[in-house]
Amino acid sequence: MGTSVKTLIARSRESFSFLYQETIDRLGDVTFFNPERDVPDLSGIGLLYLPGGYPEKHLEALAANEACRKAVKAFAEQGGQIVAECGGMMYLCQSIVTDEDEFPMCNVLPYSITARTSDRKLSLGYRRFMLDGREYRGHEFHYTQFLGETPTSVVQVFNAKGEPVNTPVLRHKNVLASYTHLYNL
């Protein structure tokens, strides 16, 4: 990604909180916004970075901020570059389903995520994959899952032992999304 683009980063106490200082430093010209309450100004933004966290703990606030969700969707549909990791990827999906209700998200990716207690399953480990001639490394840590079938990945993801894992990397226009928290964005 590099430091030559203006980057907008989603950040909140829990929903989008898994940020590495090294990543922020590498991205250079960075501005933060809180998707729970802010409506981002995406004009002139080269990269929208949606890091991981626990959006499932703040679904009412995220769903209520419809203006933010629509702005993110419009940015994606107009070809804006987005990197979404774990909670950020969940935010880009159609909805997140809990034991209590279903909450609309940005609807950039045509999937729903389940955070229901009966669907909880720990996915944990180091991950790596090759995309567009570049190796990406990171880690995965989550209990949520895709509702229904896991989407087809654009690349094969491997664990630390080099074994294939069923963690999809998703692409839509200029959106790169996965459960993997990247070390080398």
Protein backbone atom coordinates (compact mmCIF):
# COMPACT_ATOMS: atom_id res chain seq x y z
CA MET A 1 0.00 0.00 0.00
CA GLY A 2 2.69 2.48 0.99
CA THR A 3 2.75 6.01 2.34
CA SER A 4 1.79 7.85 -0.86
CA VAL A 5 -1.98 7.57 -0.36
CA LYS A 6 -4.26 9.36 2.06
CA THR A 7 -5.71 6.67 4.33
CA LEU A 8 -8.89 6.73 6.39
CA ILE A 9 -8.93 4.17 9.21
CA ALA A 10 -11.99 2.99 11.10
CA ARG A 11 -11.27 3.00 14.80
CA SER A 12 -13.42 2.55 17.85
CA ARG A 13 -12.86 1.16 21.30
CA GLU A 14 -13.92 -2.39 20.37
CA SER A 15 -15.55 -2.60 16.94
CA PHE A 16 -12.40 -1.69 15.00
CA SER A 17 -9.58 -1.81 17.52
CA PHE A 18 -7.03 -4.34 16.24
CA LEU A 19 -4.48 -1.90 14.85
CA TYR A 20 -0.74 -2.35 14.72
CA GLN A 21 1.30 0.84 15.17
CA GLU A 22 3.66 -0.43 12.47
CA THR A 23 0.75 -0.57 10.03
CA ILE A 24 -0.37 2.95 10.92
CA ASP A 25 3.21 4.20 10.51
CA ARG A 26 3.56 2.48 7.12
CA LEU A 27 0.33 4.00 5.85
CA GLY A 28 1.62 7.53 6.41
CA ASP A 29 -1.08 10.21 5.98
CA VAL A 30 -3.76 8.72 8.24
CA THR A 31 -7.09 10.03 9.54
CA PHE A 32 -9.41 8.10 11.86
CA PHE A 33 -13.19 7.87 12.08
CA ASN A 34 -15.62 5.90 14.23
CA PRO A 35 -18.23 3.95 12.18
CA GLU A 36 -20.44 3.75 15.26
CA ARG A 37 -21.10 7.50 15.22
CA ASP A 38 -19.25 9.31 12.38
CA VAL A 39 -20.02 9.74 8.70
CA PRO A 40 -16.66 9.67 6.93
CA ASP A 41 -15.60 12.15 4.28
CA LEU A 42 -14.23 9.77 1.67
CA SER A 43 -13.31 12.43 -0.90
CA GLY A 44 -9.62 12.34 -1.70
CA ILE A 45 -9.10 9.07 0.19
CA GLY A 46 -6.76 6.57 -1.46
CA LEU A 47 -7.40 3.75 1.01
CA LEU A 48 -10.14 2.94 3.48
CA TYR A 49 -8.76 0.54 6.09
CA LEU A 50 -11.28 -1.40 8.19
CA PRO A 51 -9.28 -3.33 10.80
CA GLY A 52 -10.53 -6.11 13.00
CA GLY A 53 -12.24 -5.91 16.33
CA TYR A 54 -15.58 -6.92 17.73
CA PRO A 55 -18.33 -5.30 15.66
CA GLU A 56 -20.70 -8.00 16.94
CA LYS A 57 -20.57 -6.26 20.35
CA HIS A 58 -21.79 -2.94 18.91
CA LEU A 59 -24.24 -3.97 16.22
CA GLU A 60 -27.00 -1.59 17.24
CA ALA A 61 -24.73 1.46 16.90
CA LEU A 62 -23.19 0.24 13.63
CA ALA A 63 -26.59 -0.57 12.12
CA ALA A 64 -28.07 2.73 13.31
CA ASN A 65 -25.37 4.73 11.50
CA GLU A 66 -26.95 4.15 8.11
CA ALA A 67 -25.25 7.21 6.58
CA CYS A 68 -21.83 5.72 7.32
CA ARG A 69 -22.79 2.31 5.95
CA LYS A 70 -24.11 3.93 2.75
CA ALA A 71 -20.96 6.05 2.36
CA VAL A 72 -18.73 2.98 2.68
CA LYS A 73 -20.84 1.05 0.17
CA ALA A 74 -20.81 3.96 -2.32
CA PHE A 75 -17.02 4.27 -1.94
CA ALA A 76 -16.61 0.55 -2.69
CA GLU A 77 -19.01 0.60 -5.64
CA GLN A 78 -17.22 3.63 -7.14
CA GLY A 79 -13.95 1.68 -7.10
CA GLY A 80 -12.48 3.01 -3.87
CA GLN A 81 -9.70 0.88 -2.42
CA ILE A 82 -10.66 -0.89 0.81
CA VAL A 83 -8.75 -3.36 2.96
CA ALA A 84 -10.97 -5.07 5.52
CA GLU A 85 -9.67 -7.48 8.14
CA CYS A 86 -11.88 -9.76 10.24
CA GLY A 87 -14.31 -7.34 11.95
CA GLY A 88 -13.84 -4.94 9.03
CA MET A 89 -14.80 -7.71 6.61
CA MET A 90 -17.84 -8.52 8.75
CA TYR A 91 -18.85 -4.85 8.54
CA LEU A 92 -18.70 -5.01 4.73
CA CYS A 93 -21.08 -7.99 4.58
CA GLN A 94 -24.87 -7.82 4.15
CA SER A 95 -25.63 -8.47 7.79
CA ILE A 96 -24.54 -9.96 11.07
CA VAL A 97 -26.93 -12.39 12.75
CA THR A 98 -27.01 -12.83 16.53
CA ASP A 99 -29.19 -14.86 18.88
CA GLU A 100 -31.40 -11.79 19.24
CA ASP A 101 -31.68 -10.30 15.74
CA GLU A 102 -30.16 -9.65 12.32
CA PHE A 103 -28.35 -6.33 11.84
CA PRO A 104 -27.74 -4.72 8.43
CA MET A 105 -24.16 -3.85 7.61
CA CYS A 106 -22.66 -2.17 4.50
CA ASN A 107 -23.82 -4.77 1.94
CA VAL A 108 -20.62 -4.51 -0.10
CA LEU A 109 -20.03 -8.27 0.11
CA PRO A 110 -23.01 -10.58 -0.56
CA TYR A 111 -22.63 -12.65 2.62
CA SER A 112 -23.99 -12.73 6.14
CA ILE A 113 -22.00 -13.51 9.24
CA THR A 114 -23.32 -15.48 12.18
CA ALA A 115 -22.40 -14.50 15.71
CA ARG A 116 -25.04 -16.82 17.19
CA THR A 117 -23.90 -18.78 20.22
CA SER A 118 -24.72 -22.11 18.55
CA ASP A 119 -22.51 -21.24 15.55
CA ARG A 120 -19.43 -20.14 17.50
CA LYS A 121 -16.27 -21.90 16.43
CA LEU A 122 -12.71 -20.80 17.20
CA SER A 123 -10.57 -20.11 14.15
CA LEU A 124 -7.02 -19.36 15.25
CA GLY A 125 -3.57 -19.39 13.74
CA TYR A 126 -0.96 -17.79 11.55
CA ARG A 127 -1.90 -17.32 7.90
CA ARG A 128 -0.14 -16.55 4.64
CA PHE A 129 -1.17 -16.27 1.02
CA MET A 130 0.07 -14.97 -2.32
CA LEU A 131 -1.95 -12.37 -4.19
CA ASP A 132 -0.92 -10.43 -7.28
CA GLY A 133 2.68 -11.63 -6.90
CA ARG A 134 2.96 -10.48 -3.29
CA GLU A 135 3.07 -12.57 -0.13
CA TYR A 136 0.77 -11.54 2.71
CA ARG A 137 1.20 -12.78 6.27
CA GLY A 138 -1.02 -12.42 9.29
CA HIS A 139 -3.08 -14.18 11.88
CA GLU A 140 -6.66 -15.26 12.33
CA PHE A 141 -8.61 -15.16 15.58
CA HIS A 142 -12.41 -15.19 15.60
CA TYR A 143 -15.48 -17.11 16.69
CA THR A 144 -17.92 -15.81 14.07
CA GLN A 145 -18.48 -17.67 10.81
CA PHE A 146 -20.07 -17.13 7.43
CA LEU A 147 -23.75 -17.98 7.53
CA GLY A 148 -24.24 -20.93 5.18
CA GLU A 149 -21.42 -22.02 2.91
CA THR A 150 -18.01 -20.43 3.19
CA PRO A 151 -17.41 -18.23 0.13
CA THR A 152 -14.87 -19.26 -2.46
CA SER A 153 -11.49 -17.66 -1.88
CA VAL A 154 -9.59 -15.86 -4.65
CA VAL A 155 -6.38 -17.50 -3.35
CA GLN A 156 -5.39 -20.47 -1.23
CA VAL A 157 -4.56 -19.53 2.36
CA PHE A 158 -2.01 -21.57 4.34
CA ASN A 159 -1.29 -21.99 8.04
CA ALA A 160 2.17 -21.78 9.69
CA LYS A 161 2.91 -25.40 8.72
CA GLY A 162 2.15 -24.70 5.05
CA GLU A 163 -1.14 -26.62 5.17
CA PRO A 164 -4.15 -25.23 3.31
CA VAL A 165 -6.89 -23.72 5.47
CA ASN A 166 -10.45 -22.80 4.57
CA THR A 167 -10.12 -19.07 5.24
CA PRO A 168 -11.39 -17.12 2.25
CA VAL A 169 -9.75 -14.02 0.84
CA LEU A 170 -12.47 -12.05 -0.92
CA ARG A 171 -12.25 -9.48 -3.70
CA HIS A 172 -14.94 -7.16 -4.99
CA LYS A 173 -13.78 -4.37 -7.30
CA ASN A 174 -10.95 -2.73 -5.27
CA VAL A 175 -11.97 -4.37 -1.98
CA LEU A 176 -9.71 -6.94 -0.34
CA ALA A 177 -11.35 -8.63 2.63
CA SER A 178 -10.58 -11.62 4.84
CA TYR A 179 -10.66 -12.88 8.40
CA THR A 180 -6.84 -12.58 8.33
CA HIS A 181 -5.29 -9.66 10.25
CA LEU A 182 -2.39 -8.67 7.98
CA TYR A 183 1.09 -7.91 9.31
CA ASN A 184 2.37 -6.44 6.07
CA LEU A 185 -0.39 -4.30 4.66
